[in-house]
Amino acid sequence: MGDMIVRIMGEGQVKLSDSHLPELNKLDDELLTEMENGDGPGFRRTLGALLSKVRELGDPLPDDSLEPSELILPSPDATLEEVRELLSDDGLIPG
């Protein structure tokens, strides 16, 4: 298990252990479902929960850290359309 660098747009980067990915993937799956259903409020709630979890589990990197981000997550106020552009077939979280 390694660490990955996650950037939350407009907030900065955190270092997150790979061991947390399964937990984050559950929220990511919910997010995908809500987006497919066009469930705006559910999408907003789940995106907020996903970002909170990343902040809670990750260690913030200093602002001047220039580590390349392996994962880029939208800001909490991103629109459904903006998030759709960031998604891969896997959702926001790989694996």
C-alpha atoms as a PDB file:
ATOM      1  CA  MET A   1       0.000   0.000   0.000  1.00  0.00           C
ATOM      2  CA  GLY A   2       1.305   3.414  -0.876  1.00  0.00           C
ATOM      3  CA  ASP A   3       0.161   6.979  -0.625  1.00  0.00           C
ATOM      4  CA  MET A   4      -1.439   9.050  -3.287  1.00  0.00           C
ATOM      5  CA  ILE A   5      -1.567  12.796  -3.653  1.00  0.00           C
ATOM      6  CA  VAL A   6      -5.089  14.135  -4.006  1.00  0.00           C
ATOM      7  CA  ARG A   7      -5.893  17.694  -5.024  1.00  0.00           C
ATOM      8  CA  ILE A   8      -9.209  19.252  -4.093  1.00  0.00           C
ATOM      9  CA  MET A   9      -9.730  22.066  -6.566  1.00  0.00           C
ATOM     10  CA  GLY A  10      -9.450  25.457  -4.923  1.00  0.00           C
ATOM     11  CA  GLU A  11      -8.280  23.975  -1.611  1.00  0.00           C
ATOM     12  CA  GLY A  12      -4.922  22.306  -1.958  1.00  0.00           C
ATOM     13  CA  GLN A  13      -3.453  18.833  -1.722  1.00  0.00           C
ATOM     14  CA  VAL A  14      -3.617  16.009   0.778  1.00  0.00           C
ATOM     15  CA  LYS A  15      -1.623  12.813   0.995  1.00  0.00           C
ATOM     16  CA  LEU A  16      -3.928   9.836   1.328  1.00  0.00           C
ATOM     17  CA  SER A  17      -3.130   6.194   1.974  1.00  0.00           C
ATOM     18  CA  ASP A  18      -4.303   3.768  -0.716  1.00  0.00           C
ATOM     19  CA  SER A  19      -5.907   1.720   2.041  1.00  0.00           C
ATOM     20  CA  HIS A  20      -8.720   4.294   2.210  1.00  0.00           C
ATOM     21  CA  LEU A  21      -9.717   3.907  -1.428  1.00  0.00           C
ATOM     22  CA  PRO A  22     -12.369   1.200  -0.914  1.00  0.00           C
ATOM     23  CA  GLU A  23     -14.202   3.432   1.563  1.00  0.00           C
ATOM     24  CA  LEU A  24     -14.007   6.393  -0.822  1.00  0.00           C
ATOM     25  CA  ASN A  25     -15.106   4.233  -3.725  1.00  0.00           C
ATOM     26  CA  LYS A  26     -18.444   3.552  -2.036  1.00  0.00           C
ATOM     27  CA  LEU A  27     -19.180   7.282  -2.002  1.00  0.00           C
ATOM     28  CA  ASP A  28     -17.863   7.580  -5.533  1.00  0.00           C
ATOM     29  CA  ASP A  29     -20.295   4.888  -6.710  1.00  0.00           C
ATOM     30  CA  GLU A  30     -23.175   6.747  -5.050  1.00  0.00           C
ATOM     31  CA  LEU A  31     -22.060   9.936  -6.770  1.00  0.00           C
ATOM     32  CA  LEU A  32     -22.076   8.233 -10.168  1.00  0.00           C
ATOM     33  CA  THR A  33     -25.566   6.870  -9.601  1.00  0.00           C
ATOM     34  CA  GLU A  34     -26.866  10.281  -8.540  1.00  0.00           C
ATOM     35  CA  MET A  35     -25.307  11.921 -11.570  1.00  0.00           C
ATOM     36  CA  GLU A  36     -26.852   9.350 -13.891  1.00  0.00           C
ATOM     37  CA  ASN A  37     -30.225   9.996 -12.260  1.00  0.00           C
ATOM     38  CA  GLY A  38     -29.754  13.765 -12.380  1.00  0.00           C
ATOM     39  CA  ASP A  39     -30.221  13.903  -8.600  1.00  0.00           C
ATOM     40  CA  GLY A  40     -28.756  17.355  -7.894  1.00  0.00           C
ATOM     41  CA  PRO A  41     -29.293  17.488  -4.097  1.00  0.00           C
ATOM     42  CA  GLY A  42     -28.084  13.906  -3.626  1.00  0.00           C
ATOM     43  CA  PHE A  43     -25.064  14.618  -5.800  1.00  0.00           C
ATOM     44  CA  ARG A  44     -24.206  17.725  -3.774  1.00  0.00           C
ATOM     45  CA  ARG A  45     -24.539  15.825  -0.485  1.00  0.00           C
ATOM     46  CA  THR A  46     -22.415  12.892  -1.636  1.00  0.00           C
ATOM     47  CA  LEU A  47     -19.743  15.127  -3.148  1.00  0.00           C
ATOM     48  CA  GLY A  48     -19.541  16.979   0.176  1.00  0.00           C
ATOM     49  CA  ALA A  49     -19.279  13.689   2.063  1.00  0.00           C
ATOM     50  CA  LEU A  50     -16.570  12.421  -0.281  1.00  0.00           C
ATOM     51  CA  LEU A  51     -14.469  15.576   0.099  1.00  0.00           C
ATOM     52  CA  SER A  52     -14.959  15.620   3.888  1.00  0.00           C
ATOM     53  CA  LYS A  53     -13.757  12.047   4.047  1.00  0.00           C
ATOM     54  CA  VAL A  54     -10.675  12.834   1.952  1.00  0.00           C
ATOM     55  CA  ARG A  55      -9.850  15.788   4.235  1.00  0.00           C
ATOM     56  CA  GLU A  56     -10.433  13.681   7.341  1.00  0.00           C
ATOM     57  CA  LEU A  57      -8.335  10.715   6.197  1.00  0.00           C
ATOM     58  CA  GLY A  58      -5.605  12.614   4.371  1.00  0.00           C
ATOM     59  CA  ASP A  59      -2.677  14.656   5.632  1.00  0.00           C
ATOM     60  CA  PRO A  60      -2.629  18.191   4.208  1.00  0.00           C
ATOM     61  CA  LEU A  61       0.480  19.077   2.234  1.00  0.00           C
ATOM     62  CA  PRO A  62       2.025  22.531   2.581  1.00  0.00           C
ATOM     63  CA  ASP A  63       0.677  25.061   0.088  1.00  0.00           C
ATOM     64  CA  ASP A  64       4.075  25.382  -1.565  1.00  0.00           C
ATOM     65  CA  SER A  65       4.328  21.654  -2.131  1.00  0.00           C
ATOM     66  CA  LEU A  66       4.481  20.937  -5.840  1.00  0.00           C
ATOM     67  CA  GLU A  67       3.872  17.214  -5.773  1.00  0.00           C
ATOM     68  CA  PRO A  68       2.062  16.063  -8.904  1.00  0.00           C
ATOM     69  CA  SER A  69      -1.525  15.138  -8.019  1.00  0.00           C
ATOM     70  CA  GLU A  70      -2.520  11.597  -8.889  1.00  0.00           C
ATOM     71  CA  LEU A  71      -6.140  12.378  -8.297  1.00  0.00           C
ATOM     72  CA  ILE A  72      -7.996  15.644  -8.792  1.00  0.00           C
ATOM     73  CA  LEU A  73     -11.325  16.111  -7.061  1.00  0.00           C
ATOM     74  CA  PRO A  74     -13.779  18.912  -7.753  1.00  0.00           C
ATOM     75  CA  SER A  75     -14.407  21.692  -5.275  1.00  0.00           C
ATOM     76  CA  PRO A  76     -17.454  21.225  -3.014  1.00  0.00           C
ATOM     77  CA  ASP A  77     -19.443  23.769  -5.029  1.00  0.00           C
ATOM     78  CA  ALA A  78     -18.664  22.265  -8.442  1.00  0.00           C
ATOM     79  CA  THR A  79     -21.686  21.750 -10.647  1.00  0.00           C
ATOM     80  CA  LEU A  80     -22.875  18.394 -11.874  1.00  0.00           C
ATOM     81  CA  GLU A  81     -21.611  19.325 -15.369  1.00  0.00           C
ATOM     82  CA  GLU A  82     -18.142  20.258 -14.087  1.00  0.00           C
ATOM     83  CA  VAL A  83     -17.835  17.004 -12.197  1.00  0.00           C
ATOM     84  CA  ARG A  84     -18.998  15.042 -15.228  1.00  0.00           C
ATOM     85  CA  GLU A  85     -16.007  16.406 -17.135  1.00  0.00           C
ATOM     86  CA  LEU A  86     -13.608  15.124 -14.472  1.00  0.00           C
ATOM     87  CA  LEU A  87     -15.085  11.648 -14.381  1.00  0.00           C
ATOM     88  CA  SER A  88     -13.516   8.633 -15.961  1.00  0.00           C
ATOM     89  CA  ASP A  89     -15.512   5.443 -16.544  1.00  0.00           C
ATOM     90  CA  ASP A  90     -14.457   4.493 -13.032  1.00  0.00           C
ATOM     91  CA  GLY A  91     -15.829   7.608 -11.402  1.00  0.00           C
ATOM     92  CA  LEU A  92     -13.632  10.117  -9.594  1.00  0.00           C
ATOM     93  CA  ILE A  93     -11.745   7.535  -7.548  1.00  0.00           C
ATOM     94  CA  PRO A  94      -9.782   4.891  -9.479  1.00  0.00           C
ATOM     95  CA  GLY A  95     -10.122   1.203  -8.668  1.00  0.00           C
END
